[in-house]
PDB file of N, CA and C in Angstrom:
ATOM      1  N   MET A   1       0.845  -1.185   0.000  1.00  0.00           N
ATOM      2  CA  MET A   1       0.000   0.000   0.000  1.00  0.00           C
ATOM      3  C   MET A   1       0.887   1.244   0.000  1.00  0.00           C
ATOM      4  N   SER A   2       0.522   2.209  -0.821  1.00  0.00           N
ATOM      5  CA  SER A   2       1.339   3.413  -0.890  1.00  0.00           C
ATOM      6  C   SER A   2       0.933   4.413   0.193  1.00  0.00           C
ATOM      7  N   LYS A   3       1.884   5.240   0.548  1.00  0.00           N
ATOM      8  CA  LYS A   3       1.676   6.241   1.585  1.00  0.00           C
ATOM      9  C   LYS A   3       1.319   7.579   0.958  1.00  0.00           C
ATOM     10  N   ILE A   4       0.731   8.441   1.766  1.00  0.00           N
ATOM     11  CA  ILE A   4       0.333   9.772   1.326  1.00  0.00           C
ATOM     12  C   ILE A   4       1.567  10.662   1.227  1.00  0.00           C
ATOM     13  N   HIS A   5       1.685  11.340   0.083  1.00  0.00           N
ATOM     14  CA  HIS A   5       2.761  12.297  -0.154  1.00  0.00           C
ATOM     15  C   HIS A   5       2.141  13.622  -0.593  1.00  0.00           C
ATOM     16  N   TYR A   6       2.978  14.636  -0.738  1.00  0.00           N
ATOM     17  CA  TYR A   6       2.494  15.940  -1.183  1.00  0.00           C
ATOM     18  C   TYR A   6       1.734  15.804  -2.499  1.00  0.00           C
ATOM     19  N   TYR A   7       0.660  16.560  -2.614  1.00  0.00           N
ATOM     20  CA  TYR A   7      -0.211  16.685  -3.785  1.00  0.00           C
ATOM     21  C   TYR A   7      -1.146  15.500  -3.991  1.00  0.00           C
ATOM     22  N   ASP A   8      -1.061  14.459  -3.171  1.00  0.00           N
ATOM     23  CA  ASP A   8      -2.034  13.371  -3.275  1.00  0.00           C
ATOM     24  C   ASP A   8      -3.381  13.890  -2.793  1.00  0.00           C
ATOM     25  N   ARG A   9      -4.441  13.365  -3.384  1.00  0.00           N
ATOM     26  CA  ARG A   9      -5.802  13.709  -2.974  1.00  0.00           C
ATOM     27  C   ARG A   9      -6.270  12.604  -2.033  1.00  0.00           C
ATOM     28  N   VAL A  10      -6.758  12.999  -0.868  1.00  0.00           N
ATOM     29  CA  VAL A  10      -7.084  12.049   0.191  1.00  0.00           C
ATOM     30  C   VAL A  10      -8.549  12.190   0.584  1.00  0.00           C
ATOM     31  N   ARG A  11      -9.203  11.047   0.757  1.00  0.00           N
ATOM     32  CA  ARG A  11     -10.598  11.024   1.209  1.00  0.00           C
ATOM     33  C   ARG A  11     -10.612  10.543   2.653  1.00  0.00           C
ATOM     34  N   LEU A  12     -11.174  11.359   3.546  1.00  0.00           N
ATOM     35  CA  LEU A  12     -11.216  11.077   4.977  1.00  0.00           C
ATOM     36  C   LEU A  12     -12.661  10.967   5.448  1.00  0.00           C
ATOM     37  N   ARG A  13     -12.879  10.076   6.423  1.00  0.00           N
ATOM     38  CA  ARG A  13     -14.218   9.936   7.010  1.00  0.00           C
ATOM     39  C   ARG A  13     -14.101  10.087   8.522  1.00  0.00           C
ATOM     40  N   SER A  14     -14.936  10.923   9.076  1.00  0.00           N
ATOM     41  CA  SER A  14     -14.917  11.184  10.511  1.00  0.00           C
ATOM     42  C   SER A  14     -15.307   9.950  11.306  1.00  0.00           C
ATOM     43  N   LEU A  15     -14.597   9.719  12.391  1.00  0.00           N
ATOM     44  CA  LEU A  15     -14.950   8.657  13.325  1.00  0.00           C
ATOM     45  C   LEU A  15     -15.595   9.254  14.570  1.00  0.00           C
ATOM     46  N   ASN A  16     -15.714  10.582  14.611  1.00  0.00           N
ATOM     47  CA  ASN A  16     -16.312  11.259  15.756  1.00  0.00           C
ATOM     48  C   ASN A  16     -17.841  11.282  15.669  1.00  0.00           C
ATOM     49  N   ALA A  17     -18.367  11.297  14.450  1.00  0.00           N
ATOM     50  CA  ALA A  17     -19.819  11.383  14.275  1.00  0.00           C
ATOM     51  C   ALA A  17     -20.464  10.040  14.607  1.00  0.00           C
ATOM     52  N   ILE A  18     -21.635  10.079  15.176  1.00  0.00           N
ATOM     53  CA  ILE A  18     -22.358   8.852  15.515  1.00  0.00           C
ATOM     54  C   ILE A  18     -22.662   8.062  14.248  1.00  0.00           C
ATOM     55  N   GLU A  19     -23.175   8.735  13.257  1.00  0.00           N
ATOM     56  CA  GLU A  19     -23.450   8.091  11.978  1.00  0.00           C
ATOM     57  C   GLU A  19     -22.752   8.881  10.891  1.00  0.00           C
ATOM     58  N   SER A  20     -21.637   8.398  10.462  1.00  0.00           N
ATOM     59  CA  SER A  20     -20.880   9.068   9.415  1.00  0.00           C
ATOM     60  C   SER A  20     -21.055   8.290   8.119  1.00  0.00           C
ATOM     61  N   SER A  21     -21.340   8.993   7.042  1.00  0.00           N
ATOM     62  CA  SER A  21     -21.538   8.331   5.758  1.00  0.00           C
ATOM     63  C   SER A  21     -20.610   8.949   4.733  1.00  0.00           C
ATOM     64  N   GLU A  22     -20.582   8.344   3.558  1.00  0.00           N
ATOM     65  CA  GLU A  22     -19.706   8.883   2.523  1.00  0.00           C
ATOM     66  C   GLU A  22     -20.135  10.270   2.081  1.00  0.00           C
ATOM     67  N   ASP A  23     -21.372  10.655   2.354  1.00  0.00           N
ATOM     68  CA  ASP A  23     -21.825  12.014   2.034  1.00  0.00           C
ATOM     69  C   ASP A  23     -21.081  13.052   2.884  1.00  0.00           C
ATOM     70  N   ASP A  24     -20.575  12.625   4.032  1.00  0.00           N
ATOM     71  CA  ASP A  24     -19.881  13.524   4.951  1.00  0.00           C
ATOM     72  C   ASP A  24     -18.364  13.481   4.787  1.00  0.00           C
ATOM     73  N   ASP A  25     -17.871  12.691   3.843  1.00  0.00           N
ATOM     74  CA  ASP A  25     -16.427  12.546   3.667  1.00  0.00           C
ATOM     75  C   ASP A  25     -15.774  13.879   3.327  1.00  0.00           C
ATOM     76  N   LEU A  26     -14.535  13.996   3.759  1.00  0.00           N
ATOM     77  CA  LEU A  26     -13.735  15.186   3.518  1.00  0.00           C
ATOM     78  C   LEU A  26     -12.670  14.836   2.485  1.00  0.00           C
ATOM     79  N   PHE A  27     -12.563  15.643   1.451  1.00  0.00           N
ATOM     80  CA  PHE A  27     -11.553  15.458   0.415  1.00  0.00           C
ATOM     81  C   PHE A  27     -10.528  16.569   0.552  1.00  0.00           C
ATOM     82  N   ILE A  28      -9.259  16.189   0.702  1.00  0.00           N
ATOM     83  CA  ILE A  28      -8.205  17.186   0.840  1.00  0.00           C
ATOM     84  C   ILE A  28      -7.030  16.827  -0.065  1.00  0.00           C
ATOM     85  N   GLN A  29      -6.232  17.824  -0.345  1.00  0.00           N
ATOM     86  CA  GLN A  29      -4.972  17.627  -1.047  1.00  0.00           C
ATOM     87  C   GLN A  29      -3.906  18.266  -0.161  1.00  0.00           C
ATOM     88  N   ILE A  30      -2.891  17.502   0.195  1.00  0.00           N
ATOM     89  CA  ILE A  30      -1.852  18.009   1.082  1.00  0.00           C
ATOM     90  C   ILE A  30      -0.791  18.724   0.248  1.00  0.00           C
ATOM     91  N   VAL A  31      -0.556  19.981   0.585  1.00  0.00           N
ATOM     92  CA  VAL A  31       0.366  20.824  -0.187  1.00  0.00           C
ATOM     93  C   VAL A  31       1.353  21.517   0.746  1.00  0.00           C
ATOM     94  N   TYR A  32       2.352  22.154   0.151  1.00  0.00           N
ATOM     95  CA  TYR A  32       3.297  22.958   0.922  1.00  0.00           C
ATOM     96  C   TYR A  32       2.565  24.180   1.473  1.00  0.00           C
ATOM     97  N   PRO A  33       3.006  24.717   2.615  1.00  0.00           N
ATOM     98  CA  PRO A  33       2.283  25.809   3.274  1.00  0.00           C
ATOM     99  C   PRO A  33       1.934  26.994   2.374  1.00  0.00           C
ATOM    100  N   HIS A  34       2.828  27.413   1.491  1.00  0.00           N
ATOM    101  CA  HIS A  34       2.556  28.595   0.655  1.00  0.00           C
ATOM    102  C   HIS A  34       1.506  28.322  -0.429  1.00  0.00           C
ATOM    103  N   GLU A  35       1.109  27.069  -0.613  1.00  0.00           N
ATOM    104  CA  GLU A  35       0.101  26.707  -1.613  1.00  0.00           C
ATOM    105  C   GLU A  35      -1.269  26.413  -1.002  1.00  0.00           C
ATOM    106  N   ALA A  36      -1.367  26.492   0.309  1.00  0.00           N
ATOM    107  CA  ALA A  36      -2.601  26.133   1.006  1.00  0.00           C
ATOM    108  C   ALA A  36      -3.762  27.056   0.633  1.00  0.00           C
ATOM    109  N   ASN A  37      -4.937  26.455   0.507  1.00  0.00           N
ATOM    110  CA  ASN A  37      -6.177  27.181   0.235  1.00  0.00           C
ATOM    111  C   ASN A  37      -7.308  26.284   0.726  1.00  0.00           C
ATOM    112  N   ALA A  38      -7.749  26.495   1.966  1.00  0.00           N
ATOM    113  CA  ALA A  38      -8.737  25.618   2.587  1.00  0.00           C
ATOM    114  C   ALA A  38     -10.035  25.535   1.795  1.00  0.00           C
ATOM    115  N   VAL A  39     -10.462  26.633   1.195  1.00  0.00           N
ATOM    116  CA  VAL A  39     -11.703  26.638   0.416  1.00  0.00           C
ATOM    117  C   VAL A  39     -11.607  25.662  -0.759  1.00  0.00           C
ATOM    118  N   ALA A  40     -10.418  25.568  -1.356  1.00  0.00           N
ATOM    119  CA  ALA A  40     -10.202  24.663  -2.489  1.00  0.00           C
ATOM    120  C   ALA A  40      -9.795  23.256  -2.033  1.00  0.00           C
ATOM    121  N   GLY A  41      -9.737  23.036  -0.714  1.00  0.00           N
ATOM    122  CA  GLY A  41      -9.379  21.719  -0.203  1.00  0.00           C
ATOM    123  C   GLY A  41      -7.883  21.452  -0.193  1.00  0.00           C
ATOM    124  N   ARG A  42      -7.086  22.494  -0.418  1.00  0.00           N
ATOM    125  CA  ARG A  42      -5.618  22.361  -0.426  1.00  0.00           C
ATOM    126  C   ARG A  42      -5.116  22.687   0.981  1.00  0.00           C
ATOM    127  N   ILE A  43      -4.757  21.643   1.719  1.00  0.00           N
ATOM    128  CA  ILE A  43      -4.410  21.770   3.129  1.00  0.00           C
ATOM    129  C   ILE A  43      -2.897  21.714   3.316  1.00  0.00           C
ATOM    130  N   SER A  44      -2.382  22.630   4.089  1.00  0.00           N
ATOM    131  CA  SER A  44      -0.946  22.685   4.366  1.00  0.00           C
ATOM    132  C   SER A  44      -0.493  21.438   5.116  1.00  0.00           C
ATOM    133  N   ALA A  45       0.705  20.970   4.771  1.00  0.00           N
ATOM    134  CA  ALA A  45       1.299  19.848   5.495  1.00  0.00           C
ATOM    135  C   ALA A  45       1.608  20.247   6.932  1.00  0.00           C
ATOM    136  N   ASP A  46       1.618  21.551   7.224  1.00  0.00           N
ATOM    137  CA  ASP A  46       1.846  22.036   8.583  1.00  0.00           C
ATOM    138  C   ASP A  46       0.560  22.137   9.402  1.00  0.00           C
ATOM    139  N   ALA A  47      -0.602  22.020   8.748  1.00  0.00           N
ATOM    140  CA  ALA A  47      -1.883  22.056   9.456  1.00  0.00           C
ATOM    141  C   ALA A  47      -2.053  20.740  10.225  1.00  0.00           C
ATOM    142  N   PRO A  48      -2.820  20.745  11.304  1.00  0.00           N
ATOM    143  CA  PRO A  48      -2.967  19.517  12.098  1.00  0.00           C
ATOM    144  C   PRO A  48      -3.385  18.286  11.287  1.00  0.00           C
ATOM    145  N   VAL A  49      -4.388  18.425  10.425  1.00  0.00           N
ATOM    146  CA  VAL A  49      -4.829  17.265   9.640  1.00  0.00           C
ATOM    147  C   VAL A  49      -3.784  16.879   8.596  1.00  0.00           C
ATOM    148  N   GLY A  50      -3.103  17.849   8.031  1.00  0.00           N
ATOM    149  CA  GLY A  50      -2.044  17.568   7.061  1.00  0.00           C
ATOM    150  C   GLY A  50      -0.884  16.816   7.690  1.00  0.00           C
ATOM    151  N   ARG A  51      -0.455  17.275   8.868  1.00  0.00           N
ATOM    152  CA  ARG A  51       0.627  16.598   9.600  1.00  0.00           C
ATOM    153  C   ARG A  51       0.238  15.169   9.958  1.00  0.00           C
ATOM    154  N   ALA A  52      -1.014  14.979  10.381  1.00  0.00           N
ATOM    155  CA  ALA A  52      -1.477  13.658  10.804  1.00  0.00           C
ATOM    156  C   ALA A  52      -1.571  12.689   9.623  1.00  0.00           C
ATOM    157  N   ALA A  53      -1.939  13.191   8.440  1.00  0.00           N
ATOM    158  CA  ALA A  53      -2.168  12.317   7.289  1.00  0.00           C
ATOM    159  C   ALA A  53      -0.910  12.016   6.467  1.00  0.00           C
ATOM    160  N   LEU A  54       0.007  12.962   6.424  1.00  0.00           N
ATOM    161  CA  LEU A  54       1.191  12.795   5.581  1.00  0.00           C
ATOM    162  C   LEU A  54       1.953  11.518   5.962  1.00  0.00           C
ATOM    163  N   HIS A  55       2.281  10.725   4.961  1.00  0.00           N
ATOM    164  CA  HIS A  55       3.032   9.466   5.096  1.00  0.00           C
ATOM    165  C   HIS A  55       2.231   8.329   5.727  1.00  0.00           C
ATOM    166  N   ARG A  56       0.926   8.511   5.872  1.00  0.00           N
ATOM    167  CA  ARG A  56       0.064   7.420   6.346  1.00  0.00           C
ATOM    168  C   ARG A  56      -0.498   6.700   5.128  1.00  0.00           C
ATOM    169  N   LYS A  57      -1.240   5.602   5.333  1.00  0.00           N
ATOM    170  CA  LYS A  57      -1.757   4.843   4.202  1.00  0.00           C
ATOM    171  C   LYS A  57      -3.257   4.586   4.341  1.00  0.00           C
ATOM    172  N   GLU A  58      -3.858   4.151   3.248  1.00  0.00           N
ATOM    173  CA  GLU A  58      -5.284   3.858   3.214  1.00  0.00           C
ATOM    174  C   GLU A  58      -5.647   2.883   4.327  1.00  0.00           C
ATOM    175  N   GLY A  59      -6.744   3.175   5.014  1.00  0.00           N
ATOM    176  CA  GLY A  59      -7.206   2.335   6.112  1.00  0.00           C
ATOM    177  C   GLY A  59      -6.717   2.797   7.473  1.00  0.00           C
ATOM    178  N   ASP A  60      -5.658   3.627   7.504  1.00  0.00           N
ATOM    179  CA  ASP A  60      -5.142   4.135   8.777  1.00  0.00           C
ATOM    180  C   ASP A  60      -6.149   5.088   9.417  1.00  0.00           C
ATOM    181  N   THR A  61      -6.103   5.159  10.723  1.00  0.00           N
ATOM    182  CA  THR A  61      -6.878   6.140  11.470  1.00  0.00           C
ATOM    183  C   THR A  61      -5.909   7.219  11.931  1.00  0.00           C
ATOM    184  N   ILE A  62      -6.294   8.467  11.712  1.00  0.00           N
ATOM    185  CA  ILE A  62      -5.466   9.588  12.160  1.00  0.00           C
ATOM    186  C   ILE A  62      -6.217  10.357  13.238  1.00  0.00           C
ATOM    187  N   THR A  63      -5.478  10.942  14.146  1.00  0.00           N
ATOM    188  CA  THR A  63      -6.081  11.805  15.164  1.00  0.00           C
ATOM    189  C   THR A  63      -5.311  13.109  15.194  1.00  0.00           C
ATOM    190  N   PHE A  64      -6.026  14.175  15.428  1.00  0.00           N
ATOM    191  CA  PHE A  64      -5.419  15.500  15.476  1.00  0.00           C
ATOM    192  C   PHE A  64      -6.349  16.420  16.246  1.00  0.00           C
ATOM    193  N   LYS A  65      -5.820  17.556  16.658  1.00  0.00           N
ATOM    194  CA  LYS A  65      -6.610  18.534  17.388  1.00  0.00           C
ATOM    195  C   LYS A  65      -6.951  19.686  16.455  1.00  0.00           C
ATOM    196  N   ALA A  66      -8.223  20.019  16.375  1.00  0.00           N
ATOM    197  CA  ALA A  66      -8.679  21.131  15.537  1.00  0.00           C
ATOM    198  C   ALA A  66      -9.774  21.882  16.272  1.00  0.00           C
ATOM    199  N   GLN A  67      -9.653  23.178  16.328  1.00  0.00           N
ATOM    200  CA  GLN A  67     -10.628  24.052  16.986  1.00  0.00           C
ATOM    201  C   GLN A  67     -10.913  23.580  18.411  1.00  0.00           C
ATOM    202  N   GLY A  68      -9.859  23.167  19.106  1.00  0.00           N
ATOM    203  CA  GLY A  68      -9.981  22.768  20.501  1.00  0.00           C
ATOM    204  C   GLY A  68     -10.560  21.382  20.730  1.00  0.00           C
ATOM    205  N   GLN A  69     -10.824  20.648  19.658  1.00  0.00           N
ATOM    206  CA  GLN A  69     -11.397  19.306  19.790  1.00  0.00           C
ATOM    207  C   GLN A  69     -10.455  18.266  19.222  1.00  0.00           C
ATOM    208  N   ARG A  70     -10.454  17.086  19.812  1.00  0.00           N
ATOM    209  CA  ARG A  70      -9.687  15.965  19.292  1.00  0.00           C
ATOM    210  C   ARG A  70     -10.539  15.301  18.209  1.00  0.00           C
ATOM    211  N   MET A  71      -9.981  15.197  17.018  1.00  0.00           N
ATOM    212  CA  MET A  71     -10.684  14.615  15.874  1.00  0.00           C
ATOM    213  C   MET A  71     -10.056  13.274  15.521  1.00  0.00           C
ATOM    214  N   ALA A  72     -10.864  12.337  15.092  1.00  0.00           N
ATOM    215  CA  ALA A  72     -10.383  11.040  14.607  1.00  0.00           C
ATOM    216  C   ALA A  72     -11.020  10.804  13.245  1.00  0.00           C
ATOM    217  N   MET A  73     -10.182  10.451  12.268  1.00  0.00           N
ATOM    218  CA  MET A  73     -10.676  10.214  10.915  1.00  0.00           C
ATOM    219  C   MET A  73      -9.979   8.988  10.338  1.00  0.00           C
ATOM    220  N   GLN A  74     -10.693   8.305   9.470  1.00  0.00           N
ATOM    221  CA  GLN A  74     -10.104   7.163   8.785  1.00  0.00           C
ATOM    222  C   GLN A  74      -9.776   7.574   7.355  1.00  0.00           C
ATOM    223  N   ILE A  75      -8.618   7.132   6.869  1.00  0.00           N
ATOM    224  CA  ILE A  75      -8.230   7.394   5.487  1.00  0.00           C
ATOM    225  C   ILE A  75      -8.948   6.368   4.616  1.00  0.00           C
ATOM    226  N   ILE A  76      -9.883   6.834   3.808  1.00  0.00           N
ATOM    227  CA  ILE A  76     -10.710   5.962   2.970  1.00  0.00           C
ATOM    228  C   ILE A  76     -10.006   5.644   1.658  1.00  0.00           C
ATOM    229  N   SER A  77      -9.426   6.662   1.034  1.00  0.00           N
ATOM    230  CA  SER A  77      -8.732   6.417  -0.232  1.00  0.00           C
ATOM    231  C   SER A  77      -7.672   7.485  -0.470  1.00  0.00           C
ATOM    232  N   ILE A  78      -6.730   7.124  -1.346  1.00  0.00           N
ATOM    233  CA  ILE A  78      -5.656   8.035  -1.737  1.00  0.00           C
ATOM    234  C   ILE A  78      -5.580   8.033  -3.258  1.00  0.00           C
ATOM    235  N   GLU A  79      -5.680   9.201  -3.836  1.00  0.00           N
ATOM    236  CA  GLU A  79      -5.497   9.356  -5.275  1.00  0.00           C
ATOM    237  C   GLU A  79      -4.108   9.957  -5.482  1.00  0.00           C
ATOM    238  N   LYS A  80      -3.218   9.164  -6.028  1.00  0.00           N
ATOM    239  CA  LYS A  80      -1.837   9.600  -6.190  1.00  0.00           C
ATOM    240  C   LYS A  80      -1.742  10.744  -7.178  1.00  0.00           C
ATOM    241  N   HIS A  81      -0.856  11.673  -6.867  1.00  0.00           N
ATOM    242  CA  HIS A  81      -0.581  12.802  -7.748  1.00  0.00           C
ATOM    243  C   HIS A  81       0.211  12.311  -8.951  1.00  0.00           C
ATOM    244  N   ALA A  82      -0.239  12.663 -10.129  1.00  0.00           N
ATOM    245  CA  ALA A  82       0.464  12.254 -11.350  1.00  0.00           C
ATOM    246  C   ALA A  82       1.632  13.214 -11.594  1.00  0.00           C
ATOM    247  N   LEU A  83       2.814  12.658 -11.669  1.00  0.00           N
ATOM    248  CA  LEU A  83       4.003  13.473 -11.935  1.00  0.00           C
ATOM    249  C   LEU A  83       4.034  13.858 -13.400  1.00  0.00           C
ATOM    250  N   THR A  84       4.364  15.115 -13.651  1.00  0.00           N
ATOM    251  CA  THR A  84       4.488  15.578 -15.038  1.00  0.00           C
ATOM    252  C   THR A  84       5.933  15.886 -15.333  1.00  0.00           C
ATOM    253  N   ALA A  85       6.335  15.610 -16.546  1.00  0.00           N
ATOM    254  CA  ALA A  85       7.742  15.825 -16.923  1.00  0.00           C
ATOM    255  C   ALA A  85       7.940  17.217 -17.481  1.00  0.00           C
TER     256      ALA A  85
END
Protein backbone atom coordinates (compact mmCIF):
# COMPACT_ATOMS: atom_id res chain seq x y z
CA MET A 1 0.00 0.00 0.00
CA SER A 2 1.34 3.41 -0.89
CA LYS A 3 1.68 6.24 1.58
CA ILE A 4 0.33 9.77 1.33
CA HIS A 5 2.76 12.30 -0.15
CA TYR A 6 2.49 15.94 -1.18
CA TYR A 7 -0.21 16.69 -3.78
CA ASP A 8 -2.03 13.37 -3.28
CA ARG A 9 -5.80 13.71 -2.97
CA VAL A 10 -7.08 12.05 0.19
CA ARG A 11 -10.60 11.02 1.21
CA LEU A 12 -11.22 11.08 4.98
CA ARG A 13 -14.22 9.94 7.01
CA SER A 14 -14.92 11.18 10.51
CA LEU A 15 -14.95 8.66 13.32
CA ASN A 16 -16.31 11.26 15.76
CA ALA A 17 -19.82 11.38 14.28
CA ILE A 18 -22.36 8.85 15.52
CA GLU A 19 -23.45 8.09 11.98
CA SER A 20 -20.88 9.07 9.42
CA SER A 21 -21.54 8.33 5.76
CA GLU A 22 -19.71 8.88 2.52
CA ASP A 23 -21.82 12.01 2.03
CA ASP A 24 -19.88 13.52 4.95
CA ASP A 25 -16.43 12.55 3.67
CA LEU A 26 -13.74 15.19 3.52
CA PHE A 27 -11.55 15.46 0.41
CA ILE A 28 -8.20 17.19 0.84
CA GLN A 29 -4.97 17.63 -1.05
CA ILE A 30 -1.85 18.01 1.08
CA VAL A 31 0.37 20.82 -0.19
CA TYR A 32 3.30 22.96 0.92
CA PRO A 33 2.28 25.81 3.27
CA HIS A 34 2.56 28.59 0.65
CA GLU A 35 0.10 26.71 -1.61
CA ALA A 36 -2.60 26.13 1.01
CA ASN A 37 -6.18 27.18 0.23
CA ALA A 38 -8.74 25.62 2.59
CA VAL A 39 -11.70 26.64 0.42
CA ALA A 40 -10.20 24.66 -2.49
CA GLY A 41 -9.38 21.72 -0.20
CA ARG A 42 -5.62 22.36 -0.43
CA ILE A 43 -4.41 21.77 3.13
CA SER A 44 -0.95 22.69 4.37
CA ALA A 45 1.30 19.85 5.49
CA ASP A 46 1.85 22.04 8.58
CA ALA A 47 -1.88 22.06 9.46
CA PRO A 48 -2.97 19.52 12.10
CA VAL A 49 -4.83 17.27 9.64
CA GLY A 50 -2.04 17.57 7.06
CA ARG A 51 0.63 16.60 9.60
CA ALA A 52 -1.48 13.66 10.80
CA ALA A 53 -2.17 12.32 7.29
CA LEU A 54 1.19 12.80 5.58
CA HIS A 55 3.03 9.47 5.10
CA ARG A 56 0.06 7.42 6.35
CA LYS A 57 -1.76 4.84 4.20
CA GLU A 58 -5.28 3.86 3.21
CA GLY A 59 -7.21 2.33 6.11
CA ASP A 60 -5.14 4.13 8.78
CA THR A 61 -6.88 6.14 11.47
CA ILE A 62 -5.47 9.59 12.16
CA THR A 63 -6.08 11.80 15.16
CA PHE A 64 -5.42 15.50 15.48
CA LYS A 65 -6.61 18.53 17.39
CA ALA A 66 -8.68 21.13 15.54
CA GLN A 67 -10.63 24.05 16.99
CA GLY A 68 -9.98 22.77 20.50
CA GLN A 69 -11.40 19.31 19.79
CA ARG A 70 -9.69 15.96 19.29
CA MET A 71 -10.68 14.62 15.87
CA ALA A 72 -10.38 11.04 14.61
CA MET A 73 -10.68 10.21 10.92
CA GLN A 74 -10.10 7.16 8.78
CA ILE A 75 -8.23 7.39 5.49
CA ILE A 76 -10.71 5.96 2.97
CA SER A 77 -8.73 6.42 -0.23
CA ILE A 78 -5.66 8.03 -1.74
CA GLU A 79 -5.50 9.36 -5.28
CA LYS A 80 -1.84 9.60 -6.19
CA HIS A 81 -0.58 12.80 -7.75
CA ALA A 82 0.46 12.25 -11.35
CA LEU A 83 4.00 13.47 -11.93
CA THR A 84 4.49 15.58 -15.04
CA ALA A 85 7.74 15.82 -16.92
